[in-house]
Amino acid sequence: MNFVTPPRYGHAVFCDDVREEAGNKLSYMGTYRGLLISATPLPSVLAKFVVIANFSEPMADPVMDLTVRIYGPGQEDDDVPLFEMTIPAADSAKVGLVADTPVENQRRELMVPVTFAPFPAAAGKIRVQVIRGDEIHRIGSLLIREPDAPLSTNAI
């Protein structure tokens, strides 16, 4: 059996807070698992909300600009996102290679934590994308709903 790693992939973490710890560790507080059920009627305001966008690509790939976009509930891809940041290729190229390891076995990792304080919560989806050249990588979404709202099977 051969293990296969996709060439480029990502994921997003949605939580109430993130803390840096000793030893290069991160602690995520109040992590959501695909669904945020509001404790109050929507729309409402969360004091703090954090989205961590993670993206991985082979170190052997050509270095390109990467753009992280976060869309709020009701937004489409052609709307102005809640958050957008471009990481220039020159910054990504500064990632160091590991000695004595073939470059084809190494990966370039991107982690972008985004804190919204306060965050205007409304029913719908928060979506996270990473754009690399003409590729759009959908790396995560979070459904926000009221506590008594029915959850359909295609909601997430």
C-alpha atoms as a PDB file:
ATOM      1  CA  MET A   1       0.000   0.000   0.000  1.00  0.00           C
ATOM      2  CA  ASN A   2       1.323   3.440  -0.955  1.00  0.00           C
ATOM      3  CA  PHE A   3       0.533   6.610   0.948  1.00  0.00           C
ATOM      4  CA  VAL A   4      -0.471   9.481  -1.319  1.00  0.00           C
ATOM      5  CA  THR A   5      -0.350  13.122  -0.260  1.00  0.00           C
ATOM      6  CA  PRO A   6      -2.369  15.525  -2.383  1.00  0.00           C
ATOM      7  CA  PRO A   7      -0.127  18.124  -3.999  1.00  0.00           C
ATOM      8  CA  ARG A   8      -1.875  21.099  -2.391  1.00  0.00           C
ATOM      9  CA  TYR A   9      -4.427  21.082   0.407  1.00  0.00           C
ATOM     10  CA  GLY A  10      -5.629  23.109   3.359  1.00  0.00           C
ATOM     11  CA  HIS A  11      -7.993  23.275   6.287  1.00  0.00           C
ATOM     12  CA  ALA A  12      -9.499  25.931   8.514  1.00  0.00           C
ATOM     13  CA  VAL A  13      -9.984  25.982  12.272  1.00  0.00           C
ATOM     14  CA  PHE A  14     -12.809  28.066  13.759  1.00  0.00           C
ATOM     15  CA  CYS A  15     -12.629  28.938  17.457  1.00  0.00           C
ATOM     16  CA  ASP A  16     -13.237  31.557  20.149  1.00  0.00           C
ATOM     17  CA  ASP A  17      -9.548  32.233  20.776  1.00  0.00           C
ATOM     18  CA  VAL A  18      -6.034  30.994  20.026  1.00  0.00           C
ATOM     19  CA  ARG A  19      -3.018  31.281  22.315  1.00  0.00           C
ATOM     20  CA  GLU A  20       0.659  30.817  21.654  1.00  0.00           C
ATOM     21  CA  GLU A  21       2.278  28.509  24.195  1.00  0.00           C
ATOM     22  CA  ALA A  22       5.876  27.679  25.053  1.00  0.00           C
ATOM     23  CA  GLY A  23       7.582  25.186  22.751  1.00  0.00           C
ATOM     24  CA  ASN A  24       6.051  26.555  19.517  1.00  0.00           C
ATOM     25  CA  LYS A  25       2.579  25.225  20.457  1.00  0.00           C
ATOM     26  CA  LEU A  26      -0.854  26.742  19.844  1.00  0.00           C
ATOM     27  CA  SER A  27      -3.912  26.243  22.036  1.00  0.00           C
ATOM     28  CA  TYR A  28      -7.326  26.646  20.453  1.00  0.00           C
ATOM     29  CA  MET A  29     -10.111  27.667  22.868  1.00  0.00           C
ATOM     30  CA  GLY A  30     -13.744  26.893  22.081  1.00  0.00           C
ATOM     31  CA  THR A  31     -13.176  25.079  18.788  1.00  0.00           C
ATOM     32  CA  TYR A  32     -16.213  24.654  16.535  1.00  0.00           C
ATOM     33  CA  ARG A  33     -16.783  21.386  14.656  1.00  0.00           C
ATOM     34  CA  GLY A  34     -18.501  22.539  11.473  1.00  0.00           C
ATOM     35  CA  LEU A  35     -21.430  24.145  13.281  1.00  0.00           C
ATOM     36  CA  LEU A  36     -21.799  27.203  15.508  1.00  0.00           C
ATOM     37  CA  ILE A  37     -25.127  27.218  17.338  1.00  0.00           C
ATOM     38  CA  SER A  38     -25.750  30.738  18.595  1.00  0.00           C
ATOM     39  CA  ALA A  39     -26.735  31.093  22.242  1.00  0.00           C
ATOM     40  CA  THR A  40     -28.733  34.224  21.375  1.00  0.00           C
ATOM     41  CA  PRO A  41     -31.103  35.061  18.515  1.00  0.00           C
ATOM     42  CA  LEU A  42     -29.352  35.942  15.259  1.00  0.00           C
ATOM     43  CA  PRO A  43     -28.031  38.307  14.121  1.00  0.00           C
ATOM     44  CA  SER A  44     -25.865  38.865  17.188  1.00  0.00           C
ATOM     45  CA  VAL A  45     -22.307  39.819  18.075  1.00  0.00           C
ATOM     46  CA  LEU A  46     -19.574  37.509  19.324  1.00  0.00           C
ATOM     47  CA  ALA A  47     -16.969  39.286  21.444  1.00  0.00           C
ATOM     48  CA  LYS A  48     -14.199  37.419  19.630  1.00  0.00           C
ATOM     49  CA  PHE A  49     -14.004  34.874  16.832  1.00  0.00           C
ATOM     50  CA  VAL A  50     -10.862  33.388  15.268  1.00  0.00           C
ATOM     51  CA  VAL A  51     -10.326  31.669  11.922  1.00  0.00           C
ATOM     52  CA  ILE A  52      -6.995  29.927  11.310  1.00  0.00           C
ATOM     53  CA  ALA A  53      -6.324  29.220   7.628  1.00  0.00           C
ATOM     54  CA  ASN A  54      -3.770  26.457   6.972  1.00  0.00           C
ATOM     55  CA  PHE A  55      -2.386  25.579   3.545  1.00  0.00           C
ATOM     56  CA  SER A  56       0.287  23.113   2.440  1.00  0.00           C
ATOM     57  CA  GLU A  57       2.078  22.637  -0.875  1.00  0.00           C
ATOM     58  CA  PRO A  58       5.170  20.769  -2.062  1.00  0.00           C
ATOM     59  CA  MET A  59       8.412  22.660  -1.542  1.00  0.00           C
ATOM     60  CA  ALA A  60       9.398  21.642  -5.081  1.00  0.00           C
ATOM     61  CA  ASP A  61       6.425  23.586  -6.563  1.00  0.00           C
ATOM     62  CA  PRO A  62       7.130  27.028  -7.995  1.00  0.00           C
ATOM     63  CA  VAL A  63       6.592  29.664  -5.319  1.00  0.00           C
ATOM     64  CA  MET A  64       3.520  31.805  -6.027  1.00  0.00           C
ATOM     65  CA  ASP A  65       1.524  34.503  -4.247  1.00  0.00           C
ATOM     66  CA  LEU A  66      -1.140  33.022  -1.965  1.00  0.00           C
ATOM     67  CA  THR A  67      -4.319  34.913  -1.075  1.00  0.00           C
ATOM     68  CA  VAL A  68      -6.471  34.007   1.927  1.00  0.00           C
ATOM     69  CA  ARG A  69     -10.130  35.050   1.736  1.00  0.00           C
ATOM     70  CA  ILE A  70     -12.826  34.694   4.367  1.00  0.00           C
ATOM     71  CA  TYR A  71     -16.457  35.183   3.342  1.00  0.00           C
ATOM     72  CA  GLY A  72     -19.315  35.724   5.782  1.00  0.00           C
ATOM     73  CA  PRO A  73     -22.854  34.368   5.710  1.00  0.00           C
ATOM     74  CA  GLY A  74     -24.710  35.315   2.546  1.00  0.00           C
ATOM     75  CA  GLN A  75     -21.596  36.384   0.648  1.00  0.00           C
ATOM     76  CA  GLU A  76     -20.739  35.071  -2.806  1.00  0.00           C
ATOM     77  CA  ASP A  77     -17.278  34.613  -4.361  1.00  0.00           C
ATOM     78  CA  ASP A  78     -17.543  37.893  -6.277  1.00  0.00           C
ATOM     79  CA  ASP A  79     -18.421  39.897  -3.123  1.00  0.00           C
ATOM     80  CA  VAL A  80     -15.819  41.806  -1.120  1.00  0.00           C
ATOM     81  CA  PRO A  81     -14.753  39.263   1.540  1.00  0.00           C
ATOM     82  CA  LEU A  82     -14.774  39.939   5.288  1.00  0.00           C
ATOM     83  CA  PHE A  83     -11.012  39.377   5.177  1.00  0.00           C
ATOM     84  CA  GLU A  84      -8.437  39.183   2.391  1.00  0.00           C
ATOM     85  CA  MET A  85      -4.671  38.979   2.638  1.00  0.00           C
ATOM     86  CA  THR A  86      -2.066  38.181  -0.002  1.00  0.00           C
ATOM     87  CA  ILE A  87       1.200  36.554   1.025  1.00  0.00           C
ATOM     88  CA  PRO A  88       3.744  37.504  -1.633  1.00  0.00           C
ATOM     89  CA  ALA A  89       5.772  34.706  -3.206  1.00  0.00           C
ATOM     90  CA  ALA A  90       8.941  36.387  -1.922  1.00  0.00           C
ATOM     91  CA  ASP A  91       7.761  35.839   1.678  1.00  0.00           C
ATOM     92  CA  SER A  92       6.844  32.194   1.047  1.00  0.00           C
ATOM     93  CA  ALA A  93      10.239  31.568  -0.532  1.00  0.00           C
ATOM     94  CA  LYS A  94      11.931  32.396   2.794  1.00  0.00           C
ATOM     95  CA  VAL A  95      10.781  29.070   4.245  1.00  0.00           C
ATOM     96  CA  GLY A  96      13.943  27.048   4.809  1.00  0.00           C
ATOM     97  CA  LEU A  97      14.732  23.644   3.433  1.00  0.00           C
ATOM     98  CA  VAL A  98      15.545  20.820   5.825  1.00  0.00           C
ATOM     99  CA  ALA A  99      19.118  19.592   5.398  1.00  0.00           C
ATOM    100  CA  ASP A 100      19.640  15.987   4.271  1.00  0.00           C
ATOM    101  CA  THR A 101      16.020  15.637   3.062  1.00  0.00           C
ATOM    102  CA  PRO A 102      15.182  15.564  -0.652  1.00  0.00           C
ATOM    103  CA  VAL A 103      13.251  18.692  -1.677  1.00  0.00           C
ATOM    104  CA  GLU A 104      10.512  16.518  -3.209  1.00  0.00           C
ATOM    105  CA  ASN A 105       9.783  15.178   0.310  1.00  0.00           C
ATOM    106  CA  GLN A 106       9.366  18.632   1.868  1.00  0.00           C
ATOM    107  CA  ARG A 107       6.350  20.918   2.142  1.00  0.00           C
ATOM    108  CA  ARG A 108       5.813  24.656   2.414  1.00  0.00           C
ATOM    109  CA  GLU A 109       3.265  25.450   5.127  1.00  0.00           C
ATOM    110  CA  LEU A 110       1.153  28.582   5.526  1.00  0.00           C
ATOM    111  CA  MET A 111      -0.789  29.434   8.677  1.00  0.00           C
ATOM    112  CA  VAL A 112      -2.796  32.655   8.859  1.00  0.00           C
ATOM    113  CA  PRO A 113      -4.704  33.324  12.105  1.00  0.00           C
ATOM    114  CA  VAL A 114      -7.430  35.958  11.687  1.00  0.00           C
ATOM    115  CA  THR A 115      -9.108  37.477  14.744  1.00  0.00           C
ATOM    116  CA  PHE A 116     -12.427  39.273  14.488  1.00  0.00           C
ATOM    117  CA  ALA A 117     -13.240  41.285  17.634  1.00  0.00           C
ATOM    118  CA  PRO A 118     -16.157  41.792  17.685  1.00  0.00           C
ATOM    119  CA  PHE A 119     -17.661  39.447  15.092  1.00  0.00           C
ATOM    120  CA  PRO A 120     -21.145  40.133  13.679  1.00  0.00           C
ATOM    121  CA  ALA A 121     -22.717  36.655  13.595  1.00  0.00           C
ATOM    122  CA  ALA A 122     -25.609  35.933  11.255  1.00  0.00           C
ATOM    123  CA  ALA A 123     -27.251  32.723  10.094  1.00  0.00           C
ATOM    124  CA  GLY A 124     -25.408  31.121   7.179  1.00  0.00           C
ATOM    125  CA  LYS A 125     -21.917  29.913   6.275  1.00  0.00           C
ATOM    126  CA  ILE A 126     -18.458  31.334   6.847  1.00  0.00           C
ATOM    127  CA  ARG A 127     -16.204  30.095   4.026  1.00  0.00           C
ATOM    128  CA  VAL A 128     -12.415  30.131   3.773  1.00  0.00           C
ATOM    129  CA  GLN A 129     -10.435  29.982   0.533  1.00  0.00           C
ATOM    130  CA  VAL A 130      -6.787  30.073  -0.479  1.00  0.00           C
ATOM    131  CA  ILE A 131      -6.091  31.298  -4.003  1.00  0.00           C
ATOM    132  CA  ARG A 132      -2.887  30.160  -5.731  1.00  0.00           C
ATOM    133  CA  GLY A 133      -2.570  31.401  -9.301  1.00  0.00           C
ATOM    134  CA  ASP A 134      -5.807  30.368 -11.011  1.00  0.00           C
ATOM    135  CA  GLU A 135      -6.575  27.676  -8.393  1.00  0.00           C
ATOM    136  CA  ILE A 136      -9.185  28.305  -5.692  1.00  0.00           C
ATOM    137  CA  HIS A 137      -8.778  25.938  -2.751  1.00  0.00           C
ATOM    138  CA  ARG A 138     -11.852  25.749  -0.519  1.00  0.00           C
ATOM    139  CA  ILE A 139     -10.272  24.905   2.809  1.00  0.00           C
ATOM    140  CA  GLY A 140     -13.205  25.109   5.212  1.00  0.00           C
ATOM    141  CA  SER A 141     -16.621  26.353   6.161  1.00  0.00           C
ATOM    142  CA  LEU A 142     -18.628  26.832   9.326  1.00  0.00           C
ATOM    143  CA  LEU A 143     -22.408  26.895   9.482  1.00  0.00           C
ATOM    144  CA  ILE A 144     -23.928  29.417  11.912  1.00  0.00           C
ATOM    145  CA  ARG A 145     -27.498  28.795  13.020  1.00  0.00           C
ATOM    146  CA  GLU A 146     -30.015  29.513  15.761  1.00  0.00           C
ATOM    147  CA  PRO A 147     -30.421  26.876  18.497  1.00  0.00           C
ATOM    148  CA  ASP A 148     -33.910  25.867  17.365  1.00  0.00           C
ATOM    149  CA  ALA A 149     -33.241  25.928  13.607  1.00  0.00           C
ATOM    150  CA  PRO A 150     -33.605  22.559  11.847  1.00  0.00           C
ATOM    151  CA  LEU A 151     -30.373  21.141  10.471  1.00  0.00           C
ATOM    152  CA  SER A 152     -30.799  19.896   6.932  1.00  0.00           C
ATOM    153  CA  THR A 153     -28.577  17.134   5.591  1.00  0.00           C
ATOM    154  CA  ASN A 154     -26.946  19.449   3.033  1.00  0.00           C
ATOM    155  CA  ALA A 155     -26.397  22.417   5.383  1.00  0.00           C
ATOM    156  CA  ILE A 156     -22.643  22.061   5.794  1.00  0.00           C
END
